[in-house]
Every structure is written in C-alpha cells, then in structure tokens.
N, C-alpha and C. Protein backbone atom coordinates (compact mmCIF):
# COMPACT_ATOMS: atom_id res chain seq x y z
N UNK A 1 -0.67 -147.00 124.50
CA UNK A 1 -0.15 -147.13 125.84
C UNK A 1 -0.17 -145.77 126.53
N UNK A 2 -0.52 -145.78 127.76
CA UNK A 2 -0.57 -144.58 128.57
C UNK A 2 0.81 -144.28 129.14
N UNK A 3 1.23 -143.02 129.04
CA UNK A 3 2.52 -142.62 129.61
C UNK A 3 2.26 -142.11 131.02
N UNK A 4 2.90 -142.73 131.97
CA UNK A 4 2.70 -142.39 133.38
C UNK A 4 3.73 -141.36 133.82
N UNK A 5 3.47 -140.70 134.95
CA UNK A 5 4.50 -139.78 135.50
C UNK A 5 5.83 -140.51 135.75
N UNK A 6 5.73 -141.75 136.16
CA UNK A 6 6.95 -142.53 136.38
C UNK A 6 7.75 -142.67 135.08
N UNK A 7 7.05 -142.95 133.97
CA UNK A 7 7.72 -143.05 132.67
C UNK A 7 8.41 -141.73 132.31
N UNK A 8 7.72 -140.62 132.54
CA UNK A 8 8.29 -139.32 132.18
C UNK A 8 9.51 -138.99 133.04
N UNK A 9 9.44 -139.30 134.32
CA UNK A 9 10.58 -139.06 135.21
C UNK A 9 11.77 -139.91 134.78
N UNK A 10 11.51 -141.18 134.51
CA UNK A 10 12.60 -142.05 134.06
C UNK A 10 13.14 -141.62 132.70
N UNK A 11 12.26 -141.17 131.82
CA UNK A 11 12.70 -140.68 130.52
C UNK A 11 13.66 -139.50 130.68
N UNK A 12 13.31 -138.56 131.54
CA UNK A 12 14.19 -137.42 131.80
C UNK A 12 15.50 -137.86 132.44
N UNK A 13 15.41 -138.80 133.35
CA UNK A 13 16.62 -139.33 133.99
C UNK A 13 17.53 -139.98 132.96
N UNK A 14 16.96 -140.76 132.05
CA UNK A 14 17.78 -141.40 131.02
C UNK A 14 18.35 -140.38 130.03
N UNK A 15 17.65 -139.29 129.79
CA UNK A 15 18.22 -138.21 128.96
C UNK A 15 19.48 -137.67 129.62
N UNK A 16 19.39 -137.40 130.92
CA UNK A 16 20.56 -136.90 131.65
C UNK A 16 21.68 -137.93 131.69
N UNK A 17 21.33 -139.18 131.89
CA UNK A 17 22.36 -140.24 131.93
C UNK A 17 23.02 -140.44 130.56
N UNK A 18 22.25 -140.28 129.49
CA UNK A 18 22.83 -140.37 128.15
C UNK A 18 23.83 -139.24 127.93
N UNK A 19 23.47 -138.04 128.38
CA UNK A 19 24.39 -136.91 128.27
C UNK A 19 25.66 -137.17 129.07
N UNK A 20 25.51 -137.69 130.28
CA UNK A 20 26.68 -138.02 131.09
C UNK A 20 27.49 -139.12 130.42
N UNK A 21 26.81 -140.10 129.84
CA UNK A 21 27.49 -141.20 129.15
C UNK A 21 28.27 -140.73 127.94
N UNK A 22 27.81 -139.67 127.29
CA UNK A 22 28.54 -139.12 126.14
C UNK A 22 29.80 -138.40 126.59
N UNK A 23 29.74 -137.81 127.76
CA UNK A 23 30.88 -137.04 128.25
C UNK A 23 31.93 -137.93 128.92
N UNK A 24 31.53 -139.11 129.33
CA UNK A 24 32.48 -140.09 129.87
C UNK A 24 32.99 -140.89 128.69
N UNK A 25 34.18 -140.58 128.26
CA UNK A 25 34.70 -141.23 127.06
C UNK A 25 36.21 -141.43 127.18
N UNK A 26 36.69 -142.35 126.37
CA UNK A 26 38.13 -142.53 126.28
C UNK A 26 38.49 -142.84 124.84
N UNK A 27 39.66 -142.37 124.41
CA UNK A 27 40.07 -142.60 123.01
C UNK A 27 40.43 -144.06 122.77
N UNK A 28 40.39 -144.43 121.53
CA UNK A 28 40.76 -145.77 121.12
C UNK A 28 41.91 -145.65 120.12
N UNK A 29 43.12 -145.35 120.63
CA UNK A 29 44.24 -145.13 119.71
C UNK A 29 44.54 -146.40 118.93
N UNK A 30 45.01 -146.28 117.72
CA UNK A 30 45.35 -145.09 116.96
C UNK A 30 44.19 -144.58 116.11
N UNK A 31 42.97 -145.00 116.42
CA UNK A 31 41.82 -144.65 115.60
C UNK A 31 41.19 -143.34 116.08
N UNK A 32 40.46 -142.65 115.20
CA UNK A 32 39.95 -141.33 115.54
C UNK A 32 38.75 -141.32 116.49
N UNK A 33 38.05 -142.41 116.64
CA UNK A 33 36.84 -142.42 117.45
C UNK A 33 37.10 -142.54 118.94
N UNK A 34 36.04 -142.29 119.71
CA UNK A 34 36.08 -142.42 121.15
C UNK A 34 35.03 -143.44 121.59
N UNK A 35 35.31 -144.09 122.69
CA UNK A 35 34.35 -145.01 123.28
C UNK A 35 33.61 -144.25 124.37
N UNK A 36 32.27 -144.25 124.30
CA UNK A 36 31.45 -143.58 125.30
C UNK A 36 30.50 -144.60 125.94
N UNK A 37 29.74 -144.12 126.91
CA UNK A 37 28.77 -145.00 127.57
C UNK A 37 27.35 -144.79 127.06
N UNK A 38 27.17 -144.04 125.98
CA UNK A 38 25.83 -143.77 125.46
C UNK A 38 25.07 -145.04 125.13
N UNK A 39 25.70 -145.98 124.47
CA UNK A 39 25.00 -147.20 124.06
C UNK A 39 24.55 -147.99 125.28
N UNK A 40 25.38 -148.09 126.28
CA UNK A 40 25.00 -148.78 127.52
C UNK A 40 23.74 -148.13 128.11
N UNK A 41 23.76 -146.80 128.23
CA UNK A 41 22.63 -146.08 128.83
C UNK A 41 21.37 -146.23 127.98
N UNK A 42 21.50 -146.12 126.67
CA UNK A 42 20.32 -146.19 125.81
C UNK A 42 19.72 -147.60 125.75
N UNK A 43 20.52 -148.63 125.79
CA UNK A 43 19.98 -149.99 125.83
C UNK A 43 19.32 -150.22 127.20
N UNK A 44 19.91 -149.69 128.23
CA UNK A 44 19.31 -149.75 129.57
C UNK A 44 17.96 -149.03 129.56
N UNK A 45 17.91 -147.88 128.93
CA UNK A 45 16.67 -147.12 128.79
C UNK A 45 15.61 -147.95 128.05
N UNK A 46 16.01 -148.60 126.97
CA UNK A 46 15.09 -149.43 126.19
C UNK A 46 14.58 -150.61 127.01
N UNK A 47 15.42 -151.12 127.86
CA UNK A 47 15.04 -152.27 128.68
C UNK A 47 14.07 -151.87 129.79
N UNK A 48 14.23 -150.67 130.34
CA UNK A 48 13.44 -150.23 131.48
C UNK A 48 12.13 -149.56 131.05
N UNK A 49 12.16 -148.79 129.97
CA UNK A 49 11.00 -147.99 129.57
C UNK A 49 10.26 -148.59 128.37
N UNK A 50 8.96 -148.33 128.26
CA UNK A 50 8.23 -148.69 127.04
C UNK A 50 8.75 -147.90 125.85
N UNK A 51 8.40 -148.31 124.62
CA UNK A 51 8.98 -147.68 123.42
C UNK A 51 8.85 -146.16 123.33
N UNK A 52 7.67 -145.60 123.55
CA UNK A 52 7.51 -144.16 123.34
C UNK A 52 8.28 -143.32 124.36
N UNK A 53 8.20 -143.60 125.67
CA UNK A 53 9.03 -142.84 126.60
C UNK A 53 10.53 -143.03 126.37
N UNK A 54 10.93 -144.22 125.93
CA UNK A 54 12.34 -144.45 125.62
C UNK A 54 12.76 -143.60 124.43
N UNK A 55 11.90 -143.56 123.40
CA UNK A 55 12.17 -142.70 122.24
C UNK A 55 12.25 -141.24 122.65
N UNK A 56 11.33 -140.79 123.50
CA UNK A 56 11.34 -139.39 123.95
C UNK A 56 12.65 -139.05 124.67
N UNK A 57 13.17 -139.99 125.42
CA UNK A 57 14.44 -139.76 126.11
C UNK A 57 15.57 -139.55 125.11
N UNK A 58 15.67 -140.41 124.11
CA UNK A 58 16.72 -140.27 123.10
C UNK A 58 16.51 -139.00 122.27
N UNK A 59 15.26 -138.69 121.95
CA UNK A 59 14.96 -137.49 121.18
C UNK A 59 15.32 -136.23 121.96
N UNK A 60 14.98 -136.20 123.23
CA UNK A 60 15.31 -135.03 124.06
C UNK A 60 16.82 -134.83 124.12
N UNK A 61 17.57 -135.91 124.26
CA UNK A 61 19.03 -135.82 124.27
C UNK A 61 19.54 -135.20 122.98
N UNK A 62 19.06 -135.70 121.85
CA UNK A 62 19.52 -135.20 120.56
C UNK A 62 19.10 -133.74 120.34
N UNK A 63 17.86 -133.41 120.66
CA UNK A 63 17.39 -132.04 120.46
C UNK A 63 18.12 -131.04 121.36
N UNK A 64 18.38 -131.43 122.60
CA UNK A 64 19.15 -130.55 123.49
C UNK A 64 20.55 -130.31 122.92
N UNK A 65 21.17 -131.37 122.42
CA UNK A 65 22.49 -131.22 121.83
C UNK A 65 22.47 -130.34 120.59
N UNK A 66 21.49 -130.53 119.73
CA UNK A 66 21.39 -129.72 118.52
C UNK A 66 21.02 -128.26 118.84
N UNK A 67 20.36 -128.05 119.96
CA UNK A 67 20.01 -126.69 120.38
C UNK A 67 21.22 -125.92 120.92
N UNK A 68 22.32 -126.62 121.12
CA UNK A 68 23.54 -125.95 121.55
C UNK A 68 24.05 -126.35 122.92
N UNK A 69 23.29 -127.14 123.65
CA UNK A 69 23.78 -127.62 124.95
C UNK A 69 24.91 -128.59 124.66
N UNK A 70 26.09 -128.37 125.24
CA UNK A 70 27.26 -129.21 124.88
C UNK A 70 27.24 -130.59 125.54
N UNK A 71 26.23 -131.38 125.21
CA UNK A 71 26.08 -132.70 125.82
C UNK A 71 26.38 -133.83 124.85
N UNK A 72 26.56 -133.52 123.57
CA UNK A 72 26.93 -134.55 122.61
C UNK A 72 28.41 -134.84 122.79
N UNK A 73 28.88 -135.97 122.34
CA UNK A 73 30.26 -136.39 122.65
C UNK A 73 31.32 -135.41 122.16
N UNK A 74 30.98 -134.60 121.13
CA UNK A 74 31.94 -133.61 120.63
C UNK A 74 31.34 -132.21 120.65
N UNK A 75 30.56 -131.90 121.68
CA UNK A 75 30.00 -130.56 121.83
C UNK A 75 28.51 -130.53 121.60
N UNK A 76 28.07 -129.57 120.82
CA UNK A 76 26.66 -129.40 120.54
C UNK A 76 26.45 -128.30 119.52
N UNK A 77 25.22 -128.08 119.17
CA UNK A 77 24.88 -127.07 118.18
C UNK A 77 24.40 -127.70 116.90
N UNK A 78 23.71 -126.89 116.10
CA UNK A 78 23.14 -127.38 114.85
C UNK A 78 24.20 -127.87 113.87
N UNK A 79 25.39 -127.31 113.93
CA UNK A 79 26.46 -127.74 113.03
C UNK A 79 26.91 -129.17 113.31
N UNK A 80 26.43 -129.75 114.39
CA UNK A 80 26.78 -131.12 114.74
C UNK A 80 26.31 -132.11 113.67
N UNK A 81 25.31 -131.72 112.87
CA UNK A 81 24.85 -132.64 111.81
C UNK A 81 25.95 -132.91 110.80
N UNK A 82 26.97 -132.08 110.75
CA UNK A 82 28.09 -132.30 109.84
C UNK A 82 29.23 -133.11 110.47
N UNK A 83 29.04 -133.53 111.70
CA UNK A 83 30.03 -134.40 112.34
C UNK A 83 29.92 -135.79 111.73
N UNK A 84 31.03 -136.46 111.54
CA UNK A 84 30.98 -137.83 110.98
C UNK A 84 30.16 -138.80 111.83
N UNK A 85 30.03 -138.52 113.13
CA UNK A 85 29.32 -139.45 114.02
C UNK A 85 27.84 -139.11 114.21
N UNK A 86 27.32 -138.09 113.56
CA UNK A 86 25.92 -137.71 113.74
C UNK A 86 24.96 -138.83 113.36
N UNK A 87 25.26 -139.60 112.36
CA UNK A 87 24.38 -140.69 111.94
C UNK A 87 24.13 -141.72 113.03
N UNK A 88 25.11 -141.91 113.90
CA UNK A 88 24.92 -142.84 115.01
C UNK A 88 23.84 -142.32 115.96
N UNK A 89 23.81 -141.00 116.16
CA UNK A 89 22.80 -140.40 117.02
C UNK A 89 21.40 -140.60 116.44
N UNK A 90 21.28 -140.46 115.13
CA UNK A 90 20.00 -140.71 114.46
C UNK A 90 19.65 -142.20 114.60
N UNK A 91 20.65 -143.06 114.53
CA UNK A 91 20.43 -144.48 114.74
C UNK A 91 19.89 -144.79 116.13
N UNK A 92 20.30 -143.99 117.12
CA UNK A 92 19.77 -144.16 118.47
C UNK A 92 18.25 -143.96 118.47
N UNK A 93 17.78 -142.96 117.70
CA UNK A 93 16.34 -142.66 117.66
C UNK A 93 15.54 -143.83 117.11
N UNK A 94 16.12 -144.55 116.17
CA UNK A 94 15.44 -145.73 115.62
C UNK A 94 15.63 -146.95 116.51
N UNK A 95 16.82 -147.09 117.09
CA UNK A 95 17.15 -148.29 117.84
C UNK A 95 16.49 -148.39 119.21
N UNK A 96 16.34 -147.27 119.90
CA UNK A 96 15.80 -147.31 121.26
C UNK A 96 14.35 -147.82 121.29
N UNK A 97 13.44 -147.24 120.50
CA UNK A 97 12.07 -147.77 120.58
C UNK A 97 11.95 -149.20 120.04
N UNK A 98 12.76 -149.54 119.02
CA UNK A 98 12.72 -150.90 118.49
C UNK A 98 13.17 -151.90 119.56
N UNK A 99 14.29 -151.60 120.21
CA UNK A 99 14.79 -152.50 121.26
C UNK A 99 13.78 -152.59 122.40
N UNK A 100 13.18 -151.47 122.77
CA UNK A 100 12.18 -151.47 123.84
C UNK A 100 10.99 -152.35 123.47
N UNK A 101 10.51 -152.22 122.24
CA UNK A 101 9.39 -153.05 121.79
C UNK A 101 9.77 -154.53 121.79
N UNK A 102 10.99 -154.83 121.39
CA UNK A 102 11.44 -156.23 121.38
C UNK A 102 11.59 -156.78 122.79
N UNK A 103 12.02 -155.95 123.74
CA UNK A 103 12.10 -156.40 125.13
C UNK A 103 10.71 -156.76 125.66
N UNK A 104 9.68 -156.14 125.11
CA UNK A 104 8.33 -156.37 125.57
C UNK A 104 7.57 -157.40 124.73
N UNK A 105 8.19 -157.95 123.71
CA UNK A 105 7.53 -158.93 122.83
C UNK A 105 7.35 -160.25 123.57
N UNK A 106 6.11 -160.70 123.60
CA UNK A 106 5.78 -161.93 124.32
C UNK A 106 6.55 -163.14 123.78
N UNK A 107 6.70 -163.24 122.46
CA UNK A 107 7.38 -164.39 121.85
C UNK A 107 8.84 -164.46 122.30
N UNK A 108 9.48 -163.30 122.45
CA UNK A 108 10.87 -163.30 122.90
C UNK A 108 10.98 -163.57 124.40
N UNK A 109 10.03 -163.10 125.17
CA UNK A 109 10.08 -163.32 126.62
C UNK A 109 10.04 -164.81 126.96
N UNK A 110 9.43 -165.61 126.09
CA UNK A 110 9.34 -167.05 126.33
C UNK A 110 10.67 -167.76 126.02
N UNK A 111 11.57 -167.05 125.37
CA UNK A 111 12.88 -167.61 125.06
C UNK A 111 13.94 -166.69 125.66
N UNK A 112 14.36 -166.96 126.89
CA UNK A 112 15.25 -166.03 127.61
C UNK A 112 16.55 -165.69 126.88
N UNK A 113 17.15 -166.64 126.21
CA UNK A 113 18.40 -166.34 125.51
C UNK A 113 18.17 -165.33 124.39
N UNK A 114 17.09 -165.51 123.64
CA UNK A 114 16.77 -164.56 122.58
C UNK A 114 16.34 -163.22 123.15
N UNK A 115 15.63 -163.24 124.27
CA UNK A 115 15.12 -162.01 124.88
C UNK A 115 16.26 -161.08 125.29
N UNK A 116 17.39 -161.62 125.65
CA UNK A 116 18.53 -160.80 126.03
C UNK A 116 19.31 -160.33 124.80
N UNK A 117 19.41 -161.16 123.77
CA UNK A 117 20.27 -160.87 122.62
C UNK A 117 19.57 -160.05 121.53
N UNK A 118 18.37 -160.41 121.15
CA UNK A 118 17.71 -159.80 119.99
C UNK A 118 17.49 -158.30 120.13
N UNK A 119 16.96 -157.79 121.25
CA UNK A 119 16.76 -156.34 121.34
C UNK A 119 18.07 -155.55 121.24
N UNK A 120 19.10 -156.01 121.91
CA UNK A 120 20.39 -155.32 121.84
C UNK A 120 20.99 -155.37 120.44
N UNK A 121 20.85 -156.51 119.79
CA UNK A 121 21.36 -156.63 118.42
C UNK A 121 20.58 -155.71 117.48
N UNK A 122 19.28 -155.60 117.67
CA UNK A 122 18.46 -154.70 116.84
C UNK A 122 18.87 -153.25 117.07
N UNK A 123 19.15 -152.90 118.32
CA UNK A 123 19.60 -151.54 118.63
C UNK A 123 20.92 -151.25 117.90
N UNK A 124 21.86 -152.16 117.98
CA UNK A 124 23.16 -151.95 117.32
C UNK A 124 23.01 -151.93 115.81
N UNK A 125 22.12 -152.74 115.26
CA UNK A 125 21.88 -152.73 113.82
C UNK A 125 21.37 -151.36 113.37
N UNK A 126 20.44 -150.80 114.10
CA UNK A 126 19.93 -149.45 113.77
C UNK A 126 21.04 -148.41 113.90
N UNK A 127 21.78 -148.50 114.99
CA UNK A 127 22.84 -147.51 115.24
C UNK A 127 23.90 -147.55 114.16
N UNK A 128 24.43 -148.72 113.88
CA UNK A 128 25.47 -148.84 112.86
C UNK A 128 24.89 -148.69 111.45
N UNK A 129 23.65 -149.17 111.26
CA UNK A 129 23.03 -149.09 109.95
C UNK A 129 22.81 -147.66 109.47
N UNK A 130 22.61 -146.74 110.39
CA UNK A 130 22.49 -145.33 110.03
C UNK A 130 23.80 -144.57 110.23
N UNK A 131 24.59 -145.01 111.20
CA UNK A 131 25.83 -144.31 111.52
C UNK A 131 26.93 -144.50 110.49
N UNK A 132 27.13 -145.71 110.02
CA UNK A 132 28.22 -145.97 109.08
C UNK A 132 28.01 -145.27 107.73
N UNK A 133 26.81 -145.34 107.14
CA UNK A 133 26.63 -144.60 105.88
C UNK A 133 26.82 -143.08 106.05
N UNK A 134 26.36 -142.53 107.18
CA UNK A 134 26.56 -141.09 107.41
C UNK A 134 28.05 -140.78 107.55
N UNK A 135 28.77 -141.64 108.25
CA UNK A 135 30.21 -141.48 108.38
C UNK A 135 30.86 -141.44 107.00
N UNK A 136 30.48 -142.37 106.13
CA UNK A 136 31.03 -142.40 104.77
C UNK A 136 30.66 -141.17 103.97
N UNK A 137 29.40 -140.73 104.11
CA UNK A 137 28.96 -139.53 103.38
C UNK A 137 29.75 -138.29 103.81
N UNK A 138 29.91 -138.11 105.09
CA UNK A 138 30.64 -136.93 105.58
C UNK A 138 32.12 -137.03 105.21
N UNK A 139 32.72 -138.19 105.41
CA UNK A 139 34.15 -138.33 105.12
C UNK A 139 34.43 -138.15 103.63
N UNK A 140 33.62 -138.75 102.79
CA UNK A 140 33.90 -138.72 101.34
C UNK A 140 33.15 -137.62 100.60
N UNK A 141 31.90 -137.38 100.97
CA UNK A 141 31.12 -136.40 100.24
C UNK A 141 31.31 -134.97 100.70
N UNK A 142 31.56 -134.78 102.00
CA UNK A 142 31.70 -133.43 102.54
C UNK A 142 33.17 -133.07 102.75
N UNK A 143 33.92 -133.94 103.39
CA UNK A 143 35.33 -133.66 103.70
C UNK A 143 36.27 -134.06 102.56
N UNK A 144 35.77 -134.79 101.59
CA UNK A 144 36.56 -135.25 100.44
C UNK A 144 37.82 -135.99 100.87
N UNK A 145 37.66 -136.86 101.88
CA UNK A 145 38.80 -137.63 102.40
C UNK A 145 39.15 -138.82 101.50
N UNK A 146 38.26 -139.19 100.59
CA UNK A 146 38.46 -140.35 99.72
C UNK A 146 38.83 -141.61 100.52
N UNK A 147 38.08 -141.83 101.56
CA UNK A 147 38.28 -142.99 102.42
C UNK A 147 37.55 -144.18 101.81
N UNK A 148 38.23 -145.30 101.60
CA UNK A 148 37.55 -146.48 101.04
C UNK A 148 36.49 -147.01 102.01
N UNK A 149 35.43 -147.57 101.44
CA UNK A 149 34.34 -148.07 102.29
C UNK A 149 34.79 -149.19 103.21
N UNK A 150 35.79 -149.95 102.81
CA UNK A 150 36.29 -151.01 103.70
C UNK A 150 36.86 -150.40 104.97
N UNK A 151 37.54 -149.27 104.84
CA UNK A 151 38.10 -148.60 106.02
C UNK A 151 37.00 -147.93 106.84
N UNK A 152 36.01 -147.37 106.17
CA UNK A 152 34.89 -146.76 106.89
C UNK A 152 34.16 -147.81 107.72
N UNK A 153 33.90 -148.96 107.13
CA UNK A 153 33.22 -150.04 107.86
C UNK A 153 34.10 -150.56 108.99
N UNK A 154 35.39 -150.70 108.73
CA UNK A 154 36.30 -151.20 109.76
C UNK A 154 36.39 -150.24 110.94
N UNK A 155 36.59 -148.96 110.67
CA UNK A 155 36.76 -147.99 111.77
C UNK A 155 35.45 -147.50 112.34
N UNK A 156 34.37 -147.56 111.56
CA UNK A 156 33.09 -147.07 112.04
C UNK A 156 32.18 -148.13 112.61
N UNK A 157 32.55 -149.39 112.44
CA UNK A 157 31.70 -150.48 112.92
C UNK A 157 32.51 -151.60 113.56
N UNK A 158 33.32 -152.26 112.78
CA UNK A 158 34.00 -153.48 113.25
C UNK A 158 34.89 -153.25 114.46
N UNK A 159 35.52 -152.09 114.51
CA UNK A 159 36.40 -151.77 115.63
C UNK A 159 35.62 -151.61 116.94
N UNK A 160 34.44 -151.01 116.85
CA UNK A 160 33.66 -150.70 118.05
C UNK A 160 32.64 -151.77 118.41
N UNK A 161 32.31 -152.65 117.47
CA UNK A 161 31.26 -153.63 117.69
C UNK A 161 31.50 -154.53 118.91
N UNK A 162 32.70 -155.08 119.11
CA UNK A 162 32.89 -155.91 120.31
C UNK A 162 32.70 -155.13 121.61
N UNK A 163 33.16 -153.89 121.65
CA UNK A 163 33.01 -153.07 122.84
C UNK A 163 31.53 -152.76 123.08
N UNK A 164 30.82 -152.43 122.01
CA UNK A 164 29.39 -152.13 122.14
C UNK A 164 28.59 -153.37 122.51
N UNK A 165 28.99 -154.53 122.04
CA UNK A 165 28.31 -155.77 122.43
C UNK A 165 28.45 -156.02 123.93
N UNK A 166 29.60 -155.70 124.49
CA UNK A 166 29.80 -155.83 125.93
C UNK A 166 28.88 -154.85 126.68
N UNK A 167 28.79 -153.62 126.18
CA UNK A 167 27.91 -152.63 126.82
C UNK A 167 26.46 -153.10 126.79
N UNK A 168 26.03 -153.67 125.67
CA UNK A 168 24.67 -154.18 125.55
C UNK A 168 24.45 -155.32 126.55
N UNK A 169 25.42 -156.20 126.66
CA UNK A 169 25.31 -157.33 127.58
C UNK A 169 25.25 -156.86 129.03
N UNK A 170 25.99 -155.82 129.37
CA UNK A 170 25.99 -155.31 130.75
C UNK A 170 24.72 -154.56 131.10
N UNK A 171 23.98 -154.11 130.10
CA UNK A 171 22.74 -153.38 130.36
C UNK A 171 21.69 -154.28 131.00
N UNK A 172 21.67 -155.55 130.69
CA UNK A 172 20.66 -156.46 131.24
C UNK A 172 20.77 -156.60 132.76
N UNK A 173 21.95 -156.96 133.31
CA UNK A 173 22.01 -157.04 134.77
C UNK A 173 21.80 -155.67 135.44
N UNK A 174 22.22 -154.61 134.78
CA UNK A 174 21.99 -153.27 135.34
C UNK A 174 20.49 -152.97 135.39
N UNK A 175 19.75 -153.37 134.37
CA UNK A 175 18.29 -153.16 134.34
C UNK A 175 17.62 -153.96 135.46
N UNK A 176 18.05 -155.17 135.66
CA UNK A 176 17.47 -155.98 136.76
C UNK A 176 17.73 -155.33 138.11
N UNK A 177 18.93 -154.77 138.27
CA UNK A 177 19.28 -154.08 139.51
C UNK A 177 18.38 -152.86 139.72
N UNK A 178 18.19 -152.07 138.67
CA UNK A 178 17.33 -150.89 138.75
C UNK A 178 15.89 -151.29 139.08
N UNK A 179 15.41 -152.35 138.45
CA UNK A 179 14.05 -152.81 138.72
C UNK A 179 13.87 -153.29 140.15
N UNK A 180 14.91 -153.91 140.71
CA UNK A 180 14.84 -154.31 142.12
C UNK A 180 14.81 -153.09 143.02
N UNK A 181 15.61 -152.07 142.71
CA UNK A 181 15.63 -150.84 143.51
C UNK A 181 14.31 -150.08 143.42
N UNK A 182 13.74 -150.03 142.23
CA UNK A 182 12.53 -149.24 142.00
C UNK A 182 11.31 -149.89 142.63
N UNK A 183 11.36 -151.16 142.85
CA UNK A 183 10.24 -151.84 143.47
C UNK A 183 9.11 -152.12 142.49
N UNK A 184 7.99 -152.62 143.00
CA UNK A 184 6.87 -152.97 142.12
C UNK A 184 6.28 -151.72 141.46
N UNK A 185 5.74 -151.94 140.28
CA UNK A 185 5.18 -150.81 139.50
C UNK A 185 3.84 -150.42 139.99
C-alpha cells in the first residue's frame, strides 16, 4: 500500500492526539491506575488510517516518550520501560495495525455488527495481552511486591475493561464524524 501525504499528516495528528489523551486522565480510586483517553484515540486512529500509517503513529508516540518527551501518562524517558504500565504501550503497537487491518477486512465489512466489535476487541486483546503480563513481571519480578496473579488480572484488566470497551465503542461514531468532515478521499 502506498502511504500518501494525507496518511502521514493524519498519522502525525494522531500521535499528538495520543499524547494529549495520555495527559487527560483521572484516577480510579482506590486502585493505583488512571483512566486516560489513549485507547479511544488509538482505536480511532486504527479506524481512520491504514495499518502501516496507524502503526507509525503509535510508534512515534512511544519513541517520543522513551526519548524523554514527557508525553506518556507518567512522564517519559528510557526508564519508563520499568513502569508497570509499559506493557500496555507495547500492546498498542501490536493492536493498532491489527485493528486497522480488521477494519479494512472485506469479510467483516459485510457484517456490520462484527465490523464494529471485532477490531476493537482485537485491539484490547493485544493491549491487555501484553500489558497484564508486563504488569505482573514488574510488580513481582522487579518490585518484589508478591502480588497474586488474580489481583494483577483484576486491577490490570478487569477493572478497566468496561471503561475501555466504552472508549472503543465511542471511537466508531467519532470516526464517522471525522470522515464526514474530511470529505472524499
């Protein structure tokens, strides 16, 4: 697939929006995590852009954060790889192009209910599938917190899954709105 200037501009825009989405957050007491808008923005990115430009957007966000730009939800810098939530960011790199490819799959487009649900579910599966094990590794292997895996799964996945499912669902009407604003390709 050819990457157009429009794809590159949108990719850069989604990188900036992901950074803004990470900084717009609120705590979820009494749990240690925060709710951000990153997932909403990244699923929106996957819906609007083809897989490679969508991946480049997520990669640029992560690389900028690791380079020290304080755009990740808890700052930035190379030491961020030791944050318990770093695995979720790596999950974004896998989830964005997969969701984008699924949004473009002809078989799913013929089934509108699946076309809306499957890409978002695949994105969340990648995000949690890489994020939760990293959370457990950092909590137990690095911080020696001796946190049981049931608690890691509960606080690292089950607690946030309903909120993230809502963000994924809201990305579809937002994408349609953006496509109407952007006009024909």
